[in-house]
Amino acid sequence: MSDETHGRIRIGILGAANIAPTALIGPAARNPEVEVAALAARDRGRAQEFARKHGIGQVYDSYQALVEAPDLDAVYIPLPNGLHGRWIRAALAAGKHVLCEKPFTADAAEAREIAKLAEASDRVVMEAFHYRYHPLTREAEKILAAGELGKLVRVETALCFPLPKFADIRYNYELAGGALMDAGCYAVHMARTFGGEEPEVISARAKLRDPRIDRAMSAELRFPSGHTGRVLCSMWSSDLVRIGATITGERGSLRLFNPVVPRMGHAMLLRTESGRSLRTFSRRASYDYQLDAFAGAVLRGEPILTTADDAVSNMSVIDDIYQAAGLPLRQPS
């Protein structure tokens, strides 16, 4: 029997992914409401080694066996992008809650399909945009909602980092890879969050790894209220490391430095007619805040910020950017 009704979530991980210790296993060790109870990977030997290293009690021979396990309440999906939709479907069919790494699906059509399934279920389906739950982002939203910058003029967001290993799955089209999918999903999400509306893609330009895979992407946006935006992302370009957001209004500006990994250092610079302020917030990991929100939603029905419907909107902008850049949409694996 699962522990969900007793105030604790037992969660299983699909895949021995490198992100899992940071995104889930560590936060769960610090959260009394969550237990990482099981793991499945394609290679059982690797799964057993990973489970021993991280204190995970049960190893399953297949993803499907884990998803169907009656003593688990939820599934965490850190698989390659093209596999996300398939295993969200399987988890929902088995009555499991889902925490899925971003990007949510391979394209917007698949995201819409999954959102309908999520709506028809009584399960929590949450996309793992952890930055959204950190006090840095929450405070930025409060400032914008209060109108401290006045009417918005421009929103610029960026996530750039070097990944010169071109054999990495993030460059694999068959697994729904590309810079926009991996790094750009954050930049798009931040632009939507801080822009306050769903944008239209005006233009986009890609730097290519091969004819279908972008190693970098930039796109110009326009929001319904008239302000404009730009998203920039790369896994290999002249912008080696750049993580941030700049929101400019008629009466001031707000800059966020490293909102994506705030535990490794961050800052908020606010300039308004009243003056200038530089602030920092908790160094507690954004993944910890995210897991708090997931547990609250599963155990107490608390609302989440990164819903399946929000994922549809994010994937729609990503699709539009790919089309504007003349590249094919990603496909489910």
C-alpha atoms as a PDB file:
ATOM      1  CA  MET A   1       0.000   0.000   0.000  1.00  0.00           C
ATOM      2  CA  SER A   2       1.228   3.502  -0.792  1.00  0.00           C
ATOM      3  CA  ASP A   3       1.877   6.116   1.898  1.00  0.00           C
ATOM      4  CA  GLU A   4       0.035   8.995   0.206  1.00  0.00           C
ATOM      5  CA  THR A   5      -2.991   8.723   2.486  1.00  0.00           C
ATOM      6  CA  HIS A   6      -0.650   8.800   5.486  1.00  0.00           C
ATOM      7  CA  GLY A   7       0.965  12.127   4.618  1.00  0.00           C
ATOM      8  CA  ARG A   8       3.964  10.832   2.679  1.00  0.00           C
ATOM      9  CA  ILE A   9       4.623  10.418  -1.030  1.00  0.00           C
ATOM     10  CA  ARG A  10       6.532   7.431  -2.349  1.00  0.00           C
ATOM     11  CA  ILE A  11       8.036   8.338  -5.707  1.00  0.00           C
ATOM     12  CA  GLY A  12       9.875   6.290  -8.321  1.00  0.00           C
ATOM     13  CA  ILE A  13      12.422   7.542 -10.854  1.00  0.00           C
ATOM     14  CA  LEU A  14      12.432   6.550 -14.510  1.00  0.00           C
ATOM     15  CA  GLY A  15      16.074   6.390 -15.572  1.00  0.00           C
ATOM     16  CA  ALA A  16      19.372   6.793 -13.731  1.00  0.00           C
ATOM     17  CA  ALA A  17      19.695  10.374 -14.957  1.00  0.00           C
ATOM     18  CA  ASN A  18      22.493  12.673 -13.858  1.00  0.00           C
ATOM     19  CA  ILE A  19      19.985  15.352 -12.858  1.00  0.00           C
ATOM     20  CA  ALA A  20      18.078  13.098 -10.448  1.00  0.00           C
ATOM     21  CA  PRO A  21      20.327  13.527  -7.368  1.00  0.00           C
ATOM     22  CA  THR A  22      20.163  17.324  -7.607  1.00  0.00           C
ATOM     23  CA  ALA A  23      16.558  17.661  -8.737  1.00  0.00           C
ATOM     24  CA  LEU A  24      14.878  15.024  -6.579  1.00  0.00           C
ATOM     25  CA  ILE A  25      16.993  12.706  -4.444  1.00  0.00           C
ATOM     26  CA  GLY A  26      18.723  15.451  -2.449  1.00  0.00           C
ATOM     27  CA  PRO A  27      15.567  17.534  -1.969  1.00  0.00           C
ATOM     28  CA  ALA A  28      13.596  14.429  -0.937  1.00  0.00           C
ATOM     29  CA  ALA A  29      16.196  13.631   1.727  1.00  0.00           C
ATOM     30  CA  ARG A  30      15.439  17.074   3.181  1.00  0.00           C
ATOM     31  CA  ASN A  31      11.665  16.744   2.876  1.00  0.00           C
ATOM     32  CA  PRO A  32       9.862  14.497   5.373  1.00  0.00           C
ATOM     33  CA  GLU A  33       6.826  14.264   3.079  1.00  0.00           C
ATOM     34  CA  VAL A  34       8.676  12.556   0.217  1.00  0.00           C
ATOM     35  CA  GLU A  35      10.550   9.268  -0.126  1.00  0.00           C
ATOM     36  CA  VAL A  36      12.410   8.235  -3.268  1.00  0.00           C
ATOM     37  CA  ALA A  37      11.439   4.579  -3.085  1.00  0.00           C
ATOM     38  CA  ALA A  38      12.231   3.037  -6.470  1.00  0.00           C
ATOM     39  CA  LEU A  39      14.216   3.292  -9.684  1.00  0.00           C
ATOM     40  CA  ALA A  40      14.096   1.719 -13.119  1.00  0.00           C
ATOM     41  CA  ALA A  41      16.675   2.062 -15.894  1.00  0.00           C
ATOM     42  CA  ARG A  42      17.349   0.391 -19.231  1.00  0.00           C
ATOM     43  CA  ASP A  43      20.492  -1.209 -17.780  1.00  0.00           C
ATOM     44  CA  ARG A  44      19.635  -3.089 -14.582  1.00  0.00           C
ATOM     45  CA  GLY A  45      23.260  -3.142 -13.479  1.00  0.00           C
ATOM     46  CA  ARG A  46      23.504   0.614 -13.768  1.00  0.00           C
ATOM     47  CA  ALA A  47      20.178   0.956 -11.965  1.00  0.00           C
ATOM     48  CA  GLN A  48      21.376  -1.208  -9.065  1.00  0.00           C
ATOM     49  CA  GLU A  49      24.596   0.760  -8.764  1.00  0.00           C
ATOM     50  CA  PHE A  50      22.714   4.068  -8.850  1.00  0.00           C
ATOM     51  CA  ALA A  51      20.214   2.809  -6.271  1.00  0.00           C
ATOM     52  CA  ARG A  52      22.959   1.641  -3.909  1.00  0.00           C
ATOM     53  CA  LYS A  53      24.785   4.954  -4.195  1.00  0.00           C
ATOM     54  CA  HIS A  54      21.682   6.978  -3.414  1.00  0.00           C
ATOM     55  CA  GLY A  55      19.922   4.721  -0.930  1.00  0.00           C
ATOM     56  CA  ILE A  56      16.976   3.763  -3.141  1.00  0.00           C
ATOM     57  CA  GLY A  57      15.369   0.577  -1.874  1.00  0.00           C
ATOM     58  CA  GLN A  58      13.729  -0.945  -4.945  1.00  0.00           C
ATOM     59  CA  VAL A  59      14.959  -1.489  -8.508  1.00  0.00           C
ATOM     60  CA  TYR A  60      12.542  -2.483 -11.260  1.00  0.00           C
ATOM     61  CA  ASP A  61      13.445  -4.265 -14.479  1.00  0.00           C
ATOM     62  CA  SER A  62      11.475  -1.885 -16.692  1.00  0.00           C
ATOM     63  CA  TYR A  63       9.923   1.555 -16.719  1.00  0.00           C
ATOM     64  CA  GLN A  64       6.482  -0.023 -17.110  1.00  0.00           C
ATOM     65  CA  ALA A  65       6.961  -2.216 -14.042  1.00  0.00           C
ATOM     66  CA  LEU A  66       7.853   0.806 -11.941  1.00  0.00           C
ATOM     67  CA  VAL A  67       4.941   2.845 -13.275  1.00  0.00           C
ATOM     68  CA  GLU A  68       2.514   0.053 -12.384  1.00  0.00           C
ATOM     69  CA  ALA A  69       3.966  -0.617  -8.908  1.00  0.00           C
ATOM     70  CA  PRO A  70       1.051  -0.444  -6.428  1.00  0.00           C
ATOM     71  CA  ASP A  71       3.177   0.893  -3.564  1.00  0.00           C
ATOM     72  CA  LEU A  72       4.254   4.046  -5.432  1.00  0.00           C
ATOM     73  CA  ASP A  73       2.259   7.270  -5.509  1.00  0.00           C
ATOM     74  CA  ALA A  74       4.207   9.283  -8.064  1.00  0.00           C
ATOM     75  CA  VAL A  75       6.723   9.084 -10.886  1.00  0.00           C
ATOM     76  CA  TYR A  76       9.607  11.433 -11.663  1.00  0.00           C
ATOM     77  CA  ILE A  77      10.521  11.555 -15.367  1.00  0.00           C
ATOM     78  CA  PRO A  78      14.022  12.822 -16.250  1.00  0.00           C
ATOM     79  CA  LEU A  79      14.225  10.867 -19.517  1.00  0.00           C
ATOM     80  CA  PRO A  80      15.235  12.340 -22.901  1.00  0.00           C
ATOM     81  CA  ASN A  81      12.746  14.932 -24.172  1.00  0.00           C
ATOM     82  CA  GLY A  82      11.157  12.731 -26.806  1.00  0.00           C
ATOM     83  CA  LEU A  83      10.160  10.125 -24.209  1.00  0.00           C
ATOM     84  CA  HIS A  84       8.407  12.444 -21.749  1.00  0.00           C
ATOM     85  CA  GLY A  85       4.947  12.251 -23.276  1.00  0.00           C
ATOM     86  CA  ARG A  86       4.952   8.462 -23.562  1.00  0.00           C
ATOM     87  CA  TRP A  87       5.735   7.990 -19.890  1.00  0.00           C
ATOM     88  CA  ILE A  88       3.438  10.718 -18.597  1.00  0.00           C
ATOM     89  CA  ARG A  89       0.646   8.865 -20.386  1.00  0.00           C
ATOM     90  CA  ALA A  90       1.717   5.562 -18.839  1.00  0.00           C
ATOM     91  CA  ALA A  91       1.960   7.083 -15.362  1.00  0.00           C
ATOM     92  CA  LEU A  92      -1.496   8.645 -15.586  1.00  0.00           C
ATOM     93  CA  ALA A  93      -2.947   5.384 -16.880  1.00  0.00           C
ATOM     94  CA  ALA A  94      -1.516   3.696 -13.782  1.00  0.00           C
ATOM     95  CA  GLY A  95      -2.979   6.350 -11.473  1.00  0.00           C
ATOM     96  CA  LYS A  96       0.323   8.017 -10.587  1.00  0.00           C
ATOM     97  CA  HIS A  97       1.092  11.667  -9.965  1.00  0.00           C
ATOM     98  CA  VAL A  98       3.823  13.025 -12.242  1.00  0.00           C
ATOM     99  CA  LEU A  99       6.783  15.351 -11.874  1.00  0.00           C
ATOM    100  CA  CYS A 100       8.293  15.650 -15.360  1.00  0.00           C
ATOM    101  CA  GLU A 101      11.473  17.394 -16.367  1.00  0.00           C
ATOM    102  CA  LYS A 102      11.262  20.168 -18.883  1.00  0.00           C
ATOM    103  CA  PRO A 103      10.547  20.474 -21.742  1.00  0.00           C
ATOM    104  CA  PHE A 104       7.229  18.798 -20.996  1.00  0.00           C
ATOM    105  CA  THR A 105       6.851  17.038 -24.350  1.00  0.00           C
ATOM    106  CA  ALA A 106       8.353  16.963 -27.834  1.00  0.00           C
ATOM    107  CA  ASP A 107       5.935  19.529 -29.269  1.00  0.00           C
ATOM    108  CA  ALA A 108       2.768  21.469 -28.501  1.00  0.00           C
ATOM    109  CA  ALA A 109       0.420  18.905 -30.041  1.00  0.00           C
ATOM    110  CA  GLU A 110       1.676  16.237 -27.661  1.00  0.00           C
ATOM    111  CA  ALA A 111       1.483  18.688 -24.757  1.00  0.00           C
ATOM    112  CA  ARG A 112      -2.177  19.399 -25.560  1.00  0.00           C
ATOM    113  CA  GLU A 113      -2.914  15.681 -25.597  1.00  0.00           C
ATOM    114  CA  ILE A 114      -1.238  15.190 -22.221  1.00  0.00           C
ATOM    115  CA  ALA A 115      -2.996  18.239 -20.736  1.00  0.00           C
ATOM    116  CA  LYS A 116      -6.378  16.733 -21.652  1.00  0.00           C
ATOM    117  CA  LEU A 117      -5.420  13.473 -19.955  1.00  0.00           C
ATOM    118  CA  ALA A 118      -4.239  15.357 -16.879  1.00  0.00           C
ATOM    119  CA  GLU A 119      -7.470  17.361 -16.713  1.00  0.00           C
ATOM    120  CA  ALA A 120      -9.541  14.185 -16.935  1.00  0.00           C
ATOM    121  CA  SER A 121      -7.603  12.602 -14.066  1.00  0.00           C
ATOM    122  CA  ASP A 122      -7.394  13.515 -10.399  1.00  0.00           C
ATOM    123  CA  ARG A 123      -3.600  13.349 -10.506  1.00  0.00           C
ATOM    124  CA  VAL A 124      -1.035  16.145 -10.180  1.00  0.00           C
ATOM    125  CA  VAL A 125       0.976  16.639 -13.370  1.00  0.00           C
ATOM    126  CA  MET A 126       3.767  19.156 -12.846  1.00  0.00           C
ATOM    127  CA  GLU A 127       6.493  20.383 -15.203  1.00  0.00           C
ATOM    128  CA  ALA A 128       9.800  20.797 -13.370  1.00  0.00           C
ATOM    129  CA  PHE A 129      10.528  24.488 -13.941  1.00  0.00           C
ATOM    130  CA  HIS A 130      12.014  24.710 -10.459  1.00  0.00           C
ATOM    131  CA  TYR A 131      13.177  28.348 -10.795  1.00  0.00           C
ATOM    132  CA  ARG A 132       9.499  29.364 -10.779  1.00  0.00           C
ATOM    133  CA  TYR A 133       9.170  28.378  -7.099  1.00  0.00           C
ATOM    134  CA  HIS A 134      12.236  30.198  -5.749  1.00  0.00           C
ATOM    135  CA  PRO A 135      11.783  33.441  -3.743  1.00  0.00           C
ATOM    136  CA  LEU A 136      13.839  35.344  -6.339  1.00  0.00           C
ATOM    137  CA  THR A 137      11.281  34.649  -9.066  1.00  0.00           C
ATOM    138  CA  ARG A 138       8.315  35.045  -6.749  1.00  0.00           C
ATOM    139  CA  GLU A 139       9.513  38.475  -5.631  1.00  0.00           C
ATOM    140  CA  ALA A 140      10.121  39.558  -9.219  1.00  0.00           C
ATOM    141  CA  GLU A 141       6.531  38.633 -10.035  1.00  0.00           C
ATOM    142  CA  LYS A 142       5.267  40.676  -7.085  1.00  0.00           C
ATOM    143  CA  ILE A 143       7.215  43.722  -8.247  1.00  0.00           C
ATOM    144  CA  LEU A 144       5.809  43.399 -11.752  1.00  0.00           C
ATOM    145  CA  ALA A 145       2.266  42.778 -10.525  1.00  0.00           C
ATOM    146  CA  ALA A 146       2.472  45.895  -8.352  1.00  0.00           C
ATOM    147  CA  GLY A 147       3.351  47.969 -11.405  1.00  0.00           C
ATOM    148  CA  GLU A 148       6.609  49.301  -9.989  1.00  0.00           C
ATOM    149  CA  LEU A 149       8.168  49.445 -13.458  1.00  0.00           C
ATOM    150  CA  GLY A 150       5.163  51.083 -15.044  1.00  0.00           C
ATOM    151  CA  LYS A 151       3.994  49.920 -18.445  1.00  0.00           C
ATOM    152  CA  LEU A 152       6.321  47.216 -19.724  1.00  0.00           C
ATOM    153  CA  VAL A 153       8.497  47.995 -22.723  1.00  0.00           C
ATOM    154  CA  ARG A 154      10.889  45.056 -23.174  1.00  0.00           C
ATOM    155  CA  VAL A 155      11.600  41.613 -21.685  1.00  0.00           C
ATOM    156  CA  GLU A 156      14.870  39.872 -22.484  1.00  0.00           C
ATOM    157  CA  THR A 157      15.807  36.433 -21.183  1.00  0.00           C
ATOM    158  CA  ALA A 158      18.798  34.182 -21.769  1.00  0.00           C
ATOM    159  CA  LEU A 159      20.207  30.795 -20.882  1.00  0.00           C
ATOM    160  CA  CYS A 160      23.519  29.990 -22.538  1.00  0.00           C
ATOM    161  CA  PHE A 161      26.143  27.425 -21.526  1.00  0.00           C
ATOM    162  CA  PRO A 162      28.839  25.384 -23.278  1.00  0.00           C
ATOM    163  CA  LEU A 163      28.110  21.791 -24.257  1.00  0.00           C
ATOM    164  CA  PRO A 164      30.765  20.934 -26.869  1.00  0.00           C
ATOM    165  CA  LYS A 165      30.155  17.195 -26.619  1.00  0.00           C
ATOM    166  CA  PHE A 166      28.091  16.800 -29.778  1.00  0.00           C
ATOM    167  CA  ALA A 167      27.392  13.118 -29.070  1.00  0.00           C
ATOM    168  CA  ASP A 168      25.294  14.244 -26.091  1.00  0.00           C
ATOM    169  CA  ILE A 169      21.606  13.266 -26.385  1.00  0.00           C
ATOM    170  CA  ARG A 170      20.677  16.942 -26.180  1.00  0.00           C
ATOM    171  CA  TYR A 171      21.919  17.284 -29.773  1.00  0.00           C
ATOM    172  CA  ASN A 172      19.912  14.260 -30.952  1.00  0.00           C
ATOM    173  CA  TYR A 173      16.923  15.107 -33.148  1.00  0.00           C
ATOM    174  CA  GLU A 174      15.377  11.643 -32.703  1.00  0.00           C
ATOM    175  CA  LEU A 175      15.237  12.324 -28.950  1.00  0.00           C
ATOM    176  CA  ALA A 176      13.727  15.817 -29.477  1.00  0.00           C
ATOM    177  CA  GLY A 177      16.980  17.610 -28.826  1.00  0.00           C
ATOM    178  CA  GLY A 178      18.246  21.083 -29.650  1.00  0.00           C
ATOM    179  CA  ALA A 179      19.349  24.204 -27.798  1.00  0.00           C
ATOM    180  CA  LEU A 180      15.848  25.663 -27.799  1.00  0.00           C
ATOM    181  CA  MET A 181      14.426  22.511 -26.229  1.00  0.00           C
ATOM    182  CA  ASP A 182      17.103  22.136 -23.569  1.00  0.00           C
ATOM    183  CA  ALA A 183      18.231  25.655 -22.652  1.00  0.00           C
ATOM    184  CA  GLY A 184      15.659  27.702 -24.518  1.00  0.00           C
ATOM    185  CA  CYS A 185      12.662  26.184 -22.774  1.00  0.00           C
ATOM    186  CA  TYR A 186      13.840  28.139 -19.700  1.00  0.00           C
ATOM    187  CA  ALA A 187      14.353  31.359 -21.644  1.00  0.00           C
ATOM    188  CA  VAL A 188      10.902  31.041 -23.214  1.00  0.00           C
ATOM    189  CA  HIS A 189       9.302  30.262 -19.869  1.00  0.00           C
ATOM    190  CA  MET A 190      10.951  33.249 -18.195  1.00  0.00           C
ATOM    191  CA  ALA A 191       9.842  35.535 -21.026  1.00  0.00           C
ATOM    192  CA  ARG A 192       6.253  34.359 -20.618  1.00  0.00           C
ATOM    193  CA  THR A 193       6.394  34.592 -16.823  1.00  0.00           C
ATOM    194  CA  PHE A 194       7.901  38.075 -16.644  1.00  0.00           C
ATOM    195  CA  GLY A 195       6.171  39.341 -19.771  1.00  0.00           C
ATOM    196  CA  GLY A 196       2.864  38.525 -18.132  1.00  0.00           C
ATOM    197  CA  GLU A 197       1.188  37.416 -21.367  1.00  0.00           C
ATOM    198  CA  GLU A 198       1.511  34.852 -24.107  1.00  0.00           C
ATOM    199  CA  PRO A 199       3.785  36.277 -26.826  1.00  0.00           C
ATOM    200  CA  GLU A 200       3.726  36.110 -30.583  1.00  0.00           C
ATOM    201  CA  VAL A 201       6.961  35.055 -32.282  1.00  0.00           C
ATOM    202  CA  ILE A 202       8.037  37.749 -34.744  1.00  0.00           C
ATOM    203  CA  SER A 203      11.289  36.222 -35.983  1.00  0.00           C
ATOM    204  CA  ALA A 204      13.892  33.644 -35.027  1.00  0.00           C
ATOM    205  CA  ARG A 205      17.404  32.748 -36.055  1.00  0.00           C
ATOM    206  CA  ALA A 206      19.271  29.526 -35.354  1.00  0.00           C
ATOM    207  CA  LYS A 207      22.911  28.521 -35.337  1.00  0.00           C
ATOM    208  CA  LEU A 208      23.025  24.921 -36.467  1.00  0.00           C
ATOM    209  CA  ARG A 209      24.789  21.789 -35.383  1.00  0.00           C
ATOM    210  CA  ASP A 210      23.246  19.961 -38.364  1.00  0.00           C
ATOM    211  CA  PRO A 211      20.312  20.805 -40.654  1.00  0.00           C
ATOM    212  CA  ARG A 212      17.740  19.901 -37.990  1.00  0.00           C
ATOM    213  CA  ILE A 213      19.506  20.645 -34.693  1.00  0.00           C
ATOM    214  CA  ASP A 214      20.083  24.122 -33.282  1.00  0.00           C
ATOM    215  CA  ARG A 215      23.116  24.714 -31.106  1.00  0.00           C
ATOM    216  CA  ALA A 216      21.912  28.268 -30.451  1.00  0.00           C
ATOM    217  CA  MET A 217      18.728  30.219 -31.045  1.00  0.00           C
ATOM    218  CA  SER A 218      17.492  33.791 -30.727  1.00  0.00           C
ATOM    219  CA  ALA A 219      13.923  34.959 -31.215  1.00  0.00           C
ATOM    220  CA  GLU A 220      12.056  38.254 -31.173  1.00  0.00           C
ATOM    221  CA  LEU A 221       8.666  38.352 -29.445  1.00  0.00           C
ATOM    222  CA  ARG A 222       5.715  40.712 -29.226  1.00  0.00           C
ATOM    223  CA  PHE A 223       3.177  40.667 -26.406  1.00  0.00           C
ATOM    224  CA  PRO A 224      -0.508  41.599 -26.743  1.00  0.00           C
ATOM    225  CA  SER A 225      -0.093  44.732 -24.589  1.00  0.00           C
ATOM    226  CA  GLY A 226       2.564  46.074 -26.940  1.00  0.00           C
ATOM    227  CA  HIS A 227       5.843  45.315 -25.199  1.00  0.00           C
ATOM    228  CA  THR A 228       8.465  43.310 -27.025  1.00  0.00           C
ATOM    229  CA  GLY A 229      10.820  40.556 -26.004  1.00  0.00           C
ATOM    230  CA  ARG A 230      13.837  38.537 -26.930  1.00  0.00           C
ATOM    231  CA  VAL A 231      14.876  35.042 -25.941  1.00  0.00           C
ATOM    232  CA  LEU A 232      18.429  33.832 -26.377  1.00  0.00           C
ATOM    233  CA  CYS A 233      19.747  30.349 -25.755  1.00  0.00           C
ATOM    234  CA  SER A 234      22.768  28.327 -26.676  1.00  0.00           C
ATOM    235  CA  MET A 235      24.599  25.126 -25.905  1.00  0.00           C
ATOM    236  CA  TRP A 236      27.579  26.182 -27.997  1.00  0.00           C
ATOM    237  CA  SER A 237      28.081  29.721 -29.302  1.00  0.00           C
ATOM    238  CA  SER A 238      29.911  32.955 -28.537  1.00  0.00           C
ATOM    239  CA  ASP A 239      27.581  33.426 -25.529  1.00  0.00           C
ATOM    240  CA  LEU A 240      29.290  30.775 -23.430  1.00  0.00           C
ATOM    241  CA  VAL A 241      27.599  31.387 -20.057  1.00  0.00           C
ATOM    242  CA  ARG A 242      24.698  33.771 -19.740  1.00  0.00           C
ATOM    243  CA  ILE A 243      21.748  33.228 -17.419  1.00  0.00           C
ATOM    244  CA  GLY A 244      19.361  36.013 -16.638  1.00  0.00           C
ATOM    245  CA  ALA A 245      16.405  38.227 -17.348  1.00  0.00           C
ATOM    246  CA  THR A 246      16.017  41.974 -17.881  1.00  0.00           C
ATOM    247  CA  ILE A 247      12.575  43.539 -17.688  1.00  0.00           C
ATOM    248  CA  THR A 248      12.306  47.189 -18.718  1.00  0.00           C
ATOM    249  CA  GLY A 249       9.314  49.435 -18.100  1.00  0.00           C
ATOM    250  CA  GLU A 250       8.511  53.090 -18.621  1.00  0.00           C
ATOM    251  CA  ARG A 251       9.412  53.866 -14.989  1.00  0.00           C
ATOM    252  CA  GLY A 252      12.244  51.470 -14.258  1.00  0.00           C
ATOM    253  CA  SER A 253      13.985  48.172 -14.849  1.00  0.00           C
ATOM    254  CA  LEU A 254      14.476  44.848 -13.121  1.00  0.00           C
ATOM    255  CA  ARG A 255      17.456  42.565 -13.715  1.00  0.00           C
ATOM    256  CA  LEU A 256      17.701  39.008 -12.441  1.00  0.00           C
ATOM    257  CA  PHE A 257      21.103  37.394 -12.354  1.00  0.00           C
ATOM    258  CA  ASN A 258      21.068  33.580 -12.445  1.00  0.00           C
ATOM    259  CA  PRO A 259      17.400  32.941 -11.654  1.00  0.00           C
ATOM    260  CA  VAL A 260      17.734  29.381 -12.998  1.00  0.00           C
ATOM    261  CA  VAL A 261      20.369  28.142 -10.504  1.00  0.00           C
ATOM    262  CA  PRO A 262      20.044  30.662  -7.660  1.00  0.00           C
ATOM    263  CA  ARG A 263      21.699  28.395  -5.096  1.00  0.00           C
ATOM    264  CA  MET A 264      24.989  28.982  -6.930  1.00  0.00           C
ATOM    265  CA  GLY A 265      24.712  32.754  -6.562  1.00  0.00           C
ATOM    266  CA  HIS A 266      22.085  35.198  -7.723  1.00  0.00           C
ATOM    267  CA  ALA A 267      20.933  38.792  -7.429  1.00  0.00           C
ATOM    268  CA  MET A 268      18.041  41.107  -8.219  1.00  0.00           C
ATOM    269  CA  LEU A 269      18.758  44.684  -9.311  1.00  0.00           C
ATOM    270  CA  LEU A 270      15.770  47.010  -9.249  1.00  0.00           C
ATOM    271  CA  ARG A 271      15.945  50.548 -10.632  1.00  0.00           C
ATOM    272  CA  THR A 272      12.901  52.796 -10.331  1.00  0.00           C
ATOM    273  CA  GLU A 273      12.116  56.467  -9.861  1.00  0.00           C
ATOM    274  CA  SER A 274      12.572  55.839  -6.128  1.00  0.00           C
ATOM    275  CA  GLY A 275      16.173  54.682  -6.521  1.00  0.00           C
ATOM    276  CA  ARG A 276      18.255  51.552  -6.894  1.00  0.00           C
ATOM    277  CA  SER A 277      18.262  48.371  -4.801  1.00  0.00           C
ATOM    278  CA  LEU A 278      20.294  45.177  -5.027  1.00  0.00           C
ATOM    279  CA  ARG A 279      18.896  42.126  -3.259  1.00  0.00           C
ATOM    280  CA  THR A 280      19.602  38.452  -2.774  1.00  0.00           C
ATOM    281  CA  PHE A 281      17.350  35.749  -1.410  1.00  0.00           C
ATOM    282  CA  SER A 282      17.568  32.296   0.123  1.00  0.00           C
ATOM    283  CA  ARG A 283      20.374  30.037  -1.068  1.00  0.00           C
ATOM    284  CA  ARG A 284      18.071  27.097  -0.442  1.00  0.00           C
ATOM    285  CA  ALA A 285      17.891  25.136  -3.674  1.00  0.00           C
ATOM    286  CA  SER A 286      15.074  25.949  -6.068  1.00  0.00           C
ATOM    287  CA  TYR A 287      14.558  22.193  -6.399  1.00  0.00           C
ATOM    288  CA  ASP A 288      13.676  22.064  -2.695  1.00  0.00           C
ATOM    289  CA  TYR A 289      10.990  24.705  -3.173  1.00  0.00           C
ATOM    290  CA  GLN A 290       9.712  22.799  -6.186  1.00  0.00           C
ATOM    291  CA  LEU A 291       9.410  19.557  -4.247  1.00  0.00           C
ATOM    292  CA  ASP A 292       7.597  21.396  -1.441  1.00  0.00           C
ATOM    293  CA  ALA A 293       5.052  22.551  -4.029  1.00  0.00           C
ATOM    294  CA  PHE A 294       4.687  19.085  -5.548  1.00  0.00           C
ATOM    295  CA  ALA A 295       4.138  17.494  -2.133  1.00  0.00           C
ATOM    296  CA  GLY A 296       1.649  20.191  -1.192  1.00  0.00           C
ATOM    297  CA  ALA A 297      -0.311  19.581  -4.379  1.00  0.00           C
ATOM    298  CA  VAL A 298      -0.363  15.795  -3.995  1.00  0.00           C
ATOM    299  CA  LEU A 299      -1.066  15.650  -0.271  1.00  0.00           C
ATOM    300  CA  ARG A 300      -3.199  18.752   0.299  1.00  0.00           C
ATOM    301  CA  GLY A 301      -4.499  19.815  -3.096  1.00  0.00           C
ATOM    302  CA  GLU A 302      -2.485  23.022  -3.104  1.00  0.00           C
ATOM    303  CA  PRO A 303      -2.180  24.809  -6.473  1.00  0.00           C
ATOM    304  CA  ILE A 304       0.972  24.588  -8.568  1.00  0.00           C
ATOM    305  CA  LEU A 305       2.454  27.137 -10.947  1.00  0.00           C
ATOM    306  CA  THR A 306       3.836  24.853 -13.656  1.00  0.00           C
ATOM    307  CA  THR A 307       0.751  22.962 -14.755  1.00  0.00           C
ATOM    308  CA  ALA A 308       0.147  20.902 -17.873  1.00  0.00           C
ATOM    309  CA  ASP A 309      -1.803  23.832 -19.343  1.00  0.00           C
ATOM    310  CA  ASP A 310       1.154  26.127 -18.733  1.00  0.00           C
ATOM    311  CA  ALA A 311       3.330  23.551 -20.486  1.00  0.00           C
ATOM    312  CA  VAL A 312       1.073  23.698 -23.539  1.00  0.00           C
ATOM    313  CA  SER A 313       1.635  27.446 -23.747  1.00  0.00           C
ATOM    314  CA  ASN A 314       5.392  27.069 -23.390  1.00  0.00           C
ATOM    315  CA  MET A 315       5.619  24.339 -26.006  1.00  0.00           C
ATOM    316  CA  SER A 316       3.484  26.419 -28.376  1.00  0.00           C
ATOM    317  CA  VAL A 317       6.014  29.260 -28.275  1.00  0.00           C
ATOM    318  CA  ILE A 318       8.867  26.787 -28.762  1.00  0.00           C
ATOM    319  CA  ASP A 319       7.128  25.326 -31.821  1.00  0.00           C
ATOM    320  CA  ASP A 320       6.554  28.817 -33.221  1.00  0.00           C
ATOM    321  CA  ILE A 321      10.236  29.687 -32.774  1.00  0.00           C
ATOM    322  CA  TYR A 322      11.346  26.549 -34.596  1.00  0.00           C
ATOM    323  CA  GLN A 323       8.975  27.327 -37.445  1.00  0.00           C
ATOM    324  CA  ALA A 324      10.113  30.958 -37.622  1.00  0.00           C
ATOM    325  CA  ALA A 325      13.736  29.764 -37.782  1.00  0.00           C
ATOM    326  CA  GLY A 326      12.911  27.371 -40.629  1.00  0.00           C
ATOM    327  CA  LEU A 327      13.557  24.225 -38.611  1.00  0.00           C
ATOM    328  CA  PRO A 328      11.314  21.174 -38.230  1.00  0.00           C
ATOM    329  CA  LEU A 329       9.349  20.660 -35.036  1.00  0.00           C
ATOM    330  CA  ARG A 330      10.631  18.026 -32.639  1.00  0.00           C
ATOM    331  CA  GLN A 331       8.850  14.665 -32.679  1.00  0.00           C
ATOM    332  CA  PRO A 332       7.961  12.200 -29.897  1.00  0.00           C
ATOM    333  CA  SER A 333      10.378   9.270 -29.719  1.00  0.00           C
END
